Each structure stands twice: as structure tokens, then as C-alpha cells.
Protein backbone atom coordinates (compact mmCIF):
# COMPACT_ATOMS: atom_id res chain seq x y z
CA MET A 1 191.45 -116.49 6.66
CA ASP A 2 189.65 -114.04 4.37
CA SER A 3 187.08 -115.57 2.02
CA LEU A 4 187.58 -115.20 -1.71
CA THR A 5 185.62 -112.53 -3.54
CA PRO A 6 183.91 -113.41 -6.85
CA ALA A 7 186.70 -111.52 -8.62
CA ASP A 8 189.35 -113.56 -6.79
CA THR A 9 187.55 -116.78 -7.67
CA GLY A 10 187.24 -115.78 -11.32
CA GLN A 11 190.93 -114.93 -11.49
CA LYS A 12 192.03 -118.24 -9.98
CA GLU A 13 189.68 -120.16 -12.25
CA ALA A 14 191.00 -118.32 -15.32
CA LEU A 15 194.60 -119.06 -14.37
CA ALA A 16 193.78 -122.70 -13.70
CA ARG A 17 192.10 -123.02 -17.12
CA ARG A 18 195.14 -121.51 -18.82
CA TYR A 19 197.84 -123.46 -16.99
CA GLY A 20 196.12 -126.43 -15.36
CA ALA A 21 195.65 -126.95 -11.66
CA ASP A 22 199.24 -128.13 -11.16
CA ALA A 23 200.91 -124.99 -12.57
CA VAL A 24 198.84 -122.00 -11.46
CA PRO A 25 201.14 -118.93 -11.06
CA PRO A 26 200.75 -116.40 -8.25
CA ALA A 27 197.77 -114.09 -8.66
CA GLY A 28 198.42 -110.43 -9.37
CA PRO A 29 196.48 -107.34 -10.50
CA TRP A 30 193.34 -108.19 -12.41
CA ASN A 31 190.70 -106.53 -14.60
CA GLU A 32 188.34 -107.27 -17.48
CA VAL A 33 191.02 -106.75 -20.11
CA ILE A 34 193.24 -109.41 -18.54
CA ALA A 35 190.26 -111.72 -18.10
CA THR A 36 189.49 -111.40 -21.82
CA LEU A 37 193.09 -112.17 -22.73
CA LEU A 38 193.20 -115.32 -20.57
CA ASP A 39 189.90 -116.52 -22.03
CA HIS A 40 191.28 -116.55 -25.59
CA ARG A 41 190.73 -119.79 -27.50
CA SER A 42 190.89 -120.67 -31.19
CA VAL A 43 187.37 -121.19 -32.58
CA ARG A 44 186.90 -123.21 -35.76
CA GLY A 45 183.13 -123.07 -36.19
CA TYR A 46 180.96 -119.96 -36.71
CA ARG A 47 177.35 -118.91 -36.86
CA PRO A 48 176.33 -117.11 -40.08
CA ASP A 49 175.28 -113.97 -38.16
CA PRO A 50 177.10 -110.87 -39.43
CA VAL A 51 179.33 -108.94 -37.07
CA PRO A 52 177.82 -105.67 -35.78
CA ALA A 53 178.07 -102.60 -38.00
CA GLY A 54 181.33 -100.77 -37.43
CA THR A 55 183.12 -103.81 -36.00
CA LEU A 56 185.65 -103.96 -38.81
CA GLU A 57 186.52 -100.30 -38.43
CA THR A 58 186.82 -100.67 -34.65
CA MET A 59 189.16 -103.64 -35.08
CA VAL A 60 191.27 -101.66 -37.55
CA ALA A 61 191.43 -98.71 -35.15
CA ALA A 62 192.64 -101.08 -32.43
CA ALA A 63 195.16 -102.58 -34.87
CA GLN A 64 196.51 -99.16 -35.79
CA SER A 65 196.92 -98.37 -32.10
CA ALA A 66 199.52 -101.14 -31.73
CA ALA A 67 203.20 -100.31 -31.58
CA THR A 68 204.82 -99.90 -35.00
CA SER A 69 208.60 -99.78 -35.35
CA SER A 70 209.74 -96.23 -36.12
CA ASN A 71 206.15 -95.50 -37.17
CA MET A 72 206.79 -97.24 -40.52
CA GLN A 73 203.27 -98.76 -40.46
CA TRP A 74 203.94 -101.84 -42.59
CA THR A 75 200.45 -103.34 -42.14
CA SER A 76 197.54 -103.58 -44.55
CA VAL A 77 194.43 -105.71 -44.15
CA VAL A 78 192.00 -107.01 -46.75
CA ALA A 79 188.51 -107.76 -45.43
CA ILE A 80 186.73 -110.62 -47.21
CA THR A 81 183.00 -111.37 -47.03
CA ASP A 82 182.48 -112.72 -50.55
CA PRO A 83 181.61 -116.46 -50.31
CA ASP A 84 183.46 -117.39 -53.51
CA LYS A 85 186.68 -115.77 -52.35
CA LYS A 86 186.40 -117.37 -48.93
CA LYS A 87 185.88 -120.73 -50.59
CA LYS A 88 189.07 -120.39 -52.64
CA LEU A 89 191.04 -119.25 -49.62
CA ALA A 90 189.71 -122.19 -47.61
CA GLU A 91 190.80 -124.63 -50.32
CA TRP A 92 194.33 -123.19 -50.46
CA ALA A 93 194.49 -123.40 -46.68
CA GLY A 94 193.89 -127.17 -46.66
CA ASN A 95 190.08 -127.01 -46.82
CA GLN A 96 189.60 -125.25 -43.50
CA LYS A 97 185.82 -124.88 -43.60
CA HIS A 98 185.70 -122.25 -40.85
CA ILE A 99 187.13 -119.78 -43.37
CA GLU A 100 183.93 -120.27 -45.39
CA GLN A 101 181.72 -120.19 -42.29
CA CYS A 102 182.93 -117.01 -40.65
CA PRO A 103 181.08 -113.84 -41.71
CA LEU A 104 184.30 -111.80 -41.77
CA TYR A 105 187.70 -113.02 -42.91
CA LEU A 106 190.70 -110.74 -42.61
CA CYS A 107 193.89 -111.16 -44.60
CA TRP A 108 196.74 -109.44 -42.77
CA VAL A 109 199.29 -108.16 -45.26
CA THR A 110 202.98 -107.45 -44.78
CA ASP A 111 202.92 -104.40 -47.04
CA MET A 112 206.29 -103.06 -48.17
CA SER A 113 204.88 -101.63 -51.40
CA ARG A 114 203.48 -98.47 -49.78
CA ASN A 115 206.80 -97.35 -48.35
CA SER A 116 208.66 -98.48 -51.48
CA ALA A 117 206.47 -96.13 -53.48
CA ILE A 118 207.84 -93.22 -51.42
CA SER A 119 211.32 -94.18 -52.60
CA THR A 120 210.18 -93.86 -56.20
CA ALA A 121 208.19 -90.67 -55.69
CA GLU A 122 210.94 -88.90 -53.73
CA LYS A 123 213.77 -90.31 -55.90
CA VAL A 124 215.66 -91.61 -52.86
CA ALA A 125 217.16 -95.10 -52.88
CA PHE A 126 216.05 -97.05 -49.82
CA GLU A 127 219.19 -99.03 -49.08
CA THR A 128 217.69 -100.77 -46.04
CA MET A 129 214.61 -102.16 -47.83
CA PRO A 130 216.06 -105.47 -49.10
CA TRP A 131 217.58 -106.58 -45.83
CA LEU A 132 216.11 -109.34 -43.68
CA GLU A 133 215.93 -107.02 -40.67
CA THR A 134 213.51 -104.69 -42.46
CA PHE A 135 211.32 -107.59 -43.60
CA LEU A 136 211.35 -109.06 -40.08
CA VAL A 137 210.34 -105.73 -38.55
CA ALA A 138 207.49 -105.43 -41.06
CA CYS A 139 206.16 -108.90 -40.17
CA VAL A 140 206.39 -108.09 -36.44
CA ASP A 141 204.39 -104.92 -37.07
CA VAL A 142 201.64 -106.96 -38.74
CA ALA A 143 201.49 -109.48 -35.92
CA LEU A 144 201.23 -106.75 -33.27
CA ALA A 145 198.47 -105.00 -35.19
CA ALA A 146 196.48 -108.22 -35.71
CA GLN A 147 196.68 -109.20 -32.07
CA ASN A 148 195.33 -105.82 -31.01
CA ALA A 149 192.42 -106.43 -33.40
CA VAL A 150 191.84 -109.89 -31.91
CA VAL A 151 191.68 -108.50 -28.39
CA ALA A 152 189.21 -105.84 -29.51
CA ALA A 153 186.98 -108.44 -31.22
CA GLU A 154 187.02 -110.84 -28.30
CA SER A 155 186.25 -108.03 -25.84
CA ILE A 156 182.87 -107.54 -27.56
CA GLY A 157 181.95 -111.21 -27.62
CA LEU A 158 183.31 -112.30 -31.02
CA ARG A 159 185.65 -115.21 -31.52
CA THR A 160 188.64 -115.65 -33.81
CA VAL A 161 191.23 -118.05 -35.16
CA TYR A 162 194.44 -117.25 -37.00
CA ILE A 163 195.07 -119.01 -40.32
CA GLY A 164 198.80 -119.39 -40.97
CA ALA A 165 198.03 -121.60 -43.98
CA MET A 166 197.61 -118.49 -46.09
CA ARG A 167 201.36 -118.99 -46.58
CA ASN A 168 200.73 -122.35 -48.30
CA GLU A 169 199.90 -120.59 -51.57
CA PRO A 170 201.02 -116.95 -51.15
CA GLU A 171 201.14 -116.17 -54.88
CA LYS A 172 197.60 -117.44 -55.52
CA VAL A 173 196.34 -115.51 -52.50
CA ALA A 174 198.08 -112.35 -53.66
CA GLU A 175 196.57 -112.67 -57.13
CA LEU A 176 193.08 -113.23 -55.76
CA LEU A 177 193.35 -110.15 -53.57
CA GLY A 178 195.02 -108.00 -56.19
CA LEU A 179 198.12 -107.36 -54.10
CA PRO A 180 200.95 -105.35 -55.69
CA PRO A 181 204.58 -106.59 -55.59
CA GLN A 182 206.20 -106.49 -52.15
CA CYS A 183 202.96 -107.47 -50.44
CA PHE A 184 202.03 -110.87 -49.07
CA VAL A 185 199.46 -112.25 -46.66
CA LEU A 186 201.27 -113.18 -43.48
CA PHE A 187 198.18 -114.90 -42.07
CA GLY A 188 194.42 -114.81 -42.13
CA LEU A 189 191.92 -114.31 -39.33
CA CYS A 190 188.40 -115.69 -38.98
CA VAL A 191 186.05 -113.39 -37.06
CA GLY A 192 182.50 -114.09 -35.97
CA TYR A 193 180.20 -115.53 -33.33
CA ALA A 194 181.15 -119.03 -32.30
CA ALA A 195 178.84 -121.89 -33.16
CA GLU A 196 177.68 -123.47 -29.92
CA GLN A 197 179.50 -126.74 -30.50
CA ALA A 198 182.73 -124.98 -31.52
CA VAL A 199 183.48 -122.82 -28.48
CA GLY A 200 185.82 -125.40 -26.98
CA GLU A 201 188.07 -125.03 -23.98
CA VAL A 202 190.93 -122.71 -23.18
CA LYS A 203 194.02 -124.59 -24.36
CA PRO A 204 196.64 -125.04 -21.64
CA ARG A 205 199.99 -123.27 -21.96
CA MET A 206 203.35 -124.35 -20.57
CA PRO A 207 204.07 -123.51 -16.92
CA GLN A 208 205.51 -120.04 -16.44
CA ALA A 209 208.68 -121.58 -15.03
CA MET A 210 209.49 -122.80 -18.56
CA MET A 211 209.01 -119.38 -20.15
CA LEU A 212 209.80 -116.78 -17.49
CA HIS A 213 213.45 -116.18 -16.66
CA ARG A 214 214.71 -113.67 -14.13
CA GLU A 215 217.93 -111.80 -14.84
CA ARG A 216 219.43 -114.75 -16.77
CA TYR A 217 218.14 -117.60 -18.92
CA ASP A 218 217.76 -120.78 -16.88
CA ALA A 219 216.88 -124.03 -18.64
CA THR A 220 216.90 -126.21 -15.53
CA ALA A 221 213.12 -126.12 -15.10
CA ALA A 222 212.38 -127.07 -18.69
CA GLN A 223 212.19 -130.85 -18.33
CA ALA A 224 210.17 -130.78 -15.13
CA GLY A 225 207.84 -128.22 -16.62
CA ARG A 226 207.44 -130.24 -19.82
CA THR A 227 206.37 -133.27 -17.78
CA VAL A 228 203.70 -131.21 -16.03
CA HIS A 229 202.57 -129.62 -19.30
CA ASP A 230 202.45 -132.97 -21.13
CA ALA A 231 200.18 -134.37 -18.43
CA GLU A 232 197.86 -131.37 -18.63
CA MET A 233 197.76 -131.46 -22.44
CA LEU A 234 197.03 -135.19 -22.35
CA ARG A 235 193.96 -134.55 -20.21
CA PHE A 236 192.92 -131.66 -22.47
CA SER A 237 193.36 -133.73 -25.63
CA ALA A 238 191.31 -136.57 -24.19
CA ARG A 239 188.45 -134.20 -23.39
CA GLN A 240 188.67 -132.69 -26.90
CA GLU A 241 189.11 -136.08 -28.61
CA MET A 242 192.37 -134.98 -30.23
CA GLN A 243 194.88 -137.48 -31.57
CA ALA A 244 198.11 -135.79 -30.52
CA GLY A 245 197.89 -136.14 -26.77
CA THR A 246 200.89 -134.45 -25.20
CA TRP A 247 202.61 -131.18 -26.01
CA THR A 248 205.80 -133.10 -26.75
CA GLN A 249 203.97 -135.15 -29.36
CA ARG A 250 202.58 -131.99 -30.96
CA VAL A 251 206.10 -130.56 -31.25
CA LEU A 252 207.40 -133.80 -32.77
CA ASN A 253 204.54 -133.91 -35.28
CA ARG A 254 204.91 -130.27 -36.31
CA LEU A 255 208.68 -129.86 -36.43
CA GLY A 256 209.80 -133.38 -37.34
CA PRO A 257 208.69 -134.07 -40.93
CA ILE A 258 209.23 -131.51 -43.69
CA LYS A 259 205.78 -132.40 -45.10
CA SER A 260 204.22 -130.61 -42.12
CA MET A 261 205.25 -127.30 -43.70
CA ASN A 262 202.70 -127.82 -46.52
CA GLY A 263 204.89 -126.15 -49.12
CA ARG A 264 206.08 -123.31 -46.92
CA GLU A 265 209.64 -124.63 -47.07
CA ARG A 266 209.74 -122.85 -50.45
CA LEU A 267 208.66 -119.52 -48.98
CA ARG A 268 211.94 -117.64 -49.50
CA ALA A 269 211.94 -118.35 -53.25
CA THR A 270 208.26 -117.45 -53.45
CA LEU A 271 208.81 -114.14 -51.69
CA ASN A 272 211.62 -113.32 -54.10
CA ARG A 273 209.22 -113.82 -57.01
CA MET A 274 206.72 -111.55 -55.24
CA GLY A 275 209.19 -108.65 -55.22
CA PHE A 276 210.87 -109.13 -51.83
CA GLU A 277 214.67 -109.03 -51.96
CA LEU A 278 215.75 -110.76 -48.78
CA ARG A 279 219.46 -110.36 -47.99
């Protein structure tokens, strides 16, 4: 039997970290890009060191290289380094201190104002603008762009964490950032070098059998996979000293009580006040 090369060993270790030893999928092609992707983890503690010069522009270039539906380019990003602004944003996000700690905080904006301005300038009514489909496509564009930026940042040794809690107080955030109507911050992103104690582990994901379907959706593996995933998450949570042990418990905690939405259950009405007509 052939011995494993260092690359083979690294690949198997990366897959085991991501899925747990009981759910490692078959190994396939491998390179540094894939290794970076599988090493992703959310980091919630940062050193004060600034990011290297040009990092922001490189991340934006990566973001703008993501797919964008029909080249509509619905994404804007507001870069925040001012401590006072980061402090306010942290407070509105439930006092997430890592927003204050990180040297670079990015607010990713679903920006429909820029294309709406073309309607006014060219005197052409944009009949598709108010529909949910258009809004959904714009939000997808932003997510794709941001994830490209995350991969770029992590490939050069930086760490990140998304902050969905920007949607807790979207009107306050928009006012702070000076956003025009038809713009709102879909999520934030902390960027910086991880504090030593905050690096953490790669968080396990569900077995591929629960997510990957071939030719036709098949739910038969869901319960067996959930049992395996719950066991792996329980071990992970114990190592990380987290209260919610299993994946099932996390789902129950997040989707069960309406209070877990932290005000986001009012998002549709808020978006309407911000100039979005969702039909």
C-alpha cells in the first residue's frame, strides 16, 4: 500500500476537521485554495495590528470578481476604521466587542439606489425594481461578493467573521453610514489578525450525505446524518465550552422563539421605510 504524502495527510486532516472523523467524504483534487476554504472559521477576537496597505482594495477587487446577475452589480461596501463608529455598530449588534477590536470593519450594502438613479436620469420606468425577485437577486449578489472578499483575506493570513446583527437596527446603521434610500447593510464583516486565544477550531459541518443529493432529492439519510452530526457537535461544544451542545439544540434555540430574531421580524416594514418596495 502506498504511503501518504504530506499533501494527502493535510487533505485528510482538513476534511476530518470539517466533518469529524465519522463523516469524512472521499478525497478528491486538492490545492491551496481548497485548503484555505476548508480552514475557514469565525474569529471573534482580534489584535489591534492594522491590515497591510492595499488589503482593502485587494478584497474589493476579489469581491468585484464574483458573479453578478446580469452584471447589475448591486453591491456597495462601506469600510469603517473609526473607533466611535465601530463602537456604535457593536452596540446595535448586541455588544459584539470584536466589532470594536478588529482594525477593519466592512459593511456590505445591498445597493439599489445606484441603478434606480439610472431610471431617473434616463427617464425610463424600471417596472421590475419593486419586485421581491429583484431584491433577492441583489442580496445574493452582495453575499457572493463578500464571500470572495473573505476568501481573499483568509488566503493572506487574515481572519474574519460575518455580523448578521447589522439587521437588528438597519435604519440606525443606514443613518450612521449616510446611506441613501434603497440601500441597507445586509451584514457586516470583521477583518484582522486573530488574537491568539480567539483562533478557535474549525466548526464541524453536517455530513455530505445530508446535503448532497444526486439526480433527485433524497431525505432518507437526514436522520442518520443528524445523529452523527449531533455527536460531533457535542464533542466540539465541550471543547469550546459552549452551552448549546448539539446541532439539533442550536436549531431549536435559533428557530424556535421569535425573540431570537432580535427585532428582525420587523424587517419588511423597516425596508419599506428605507425606500424598498417589496411586492
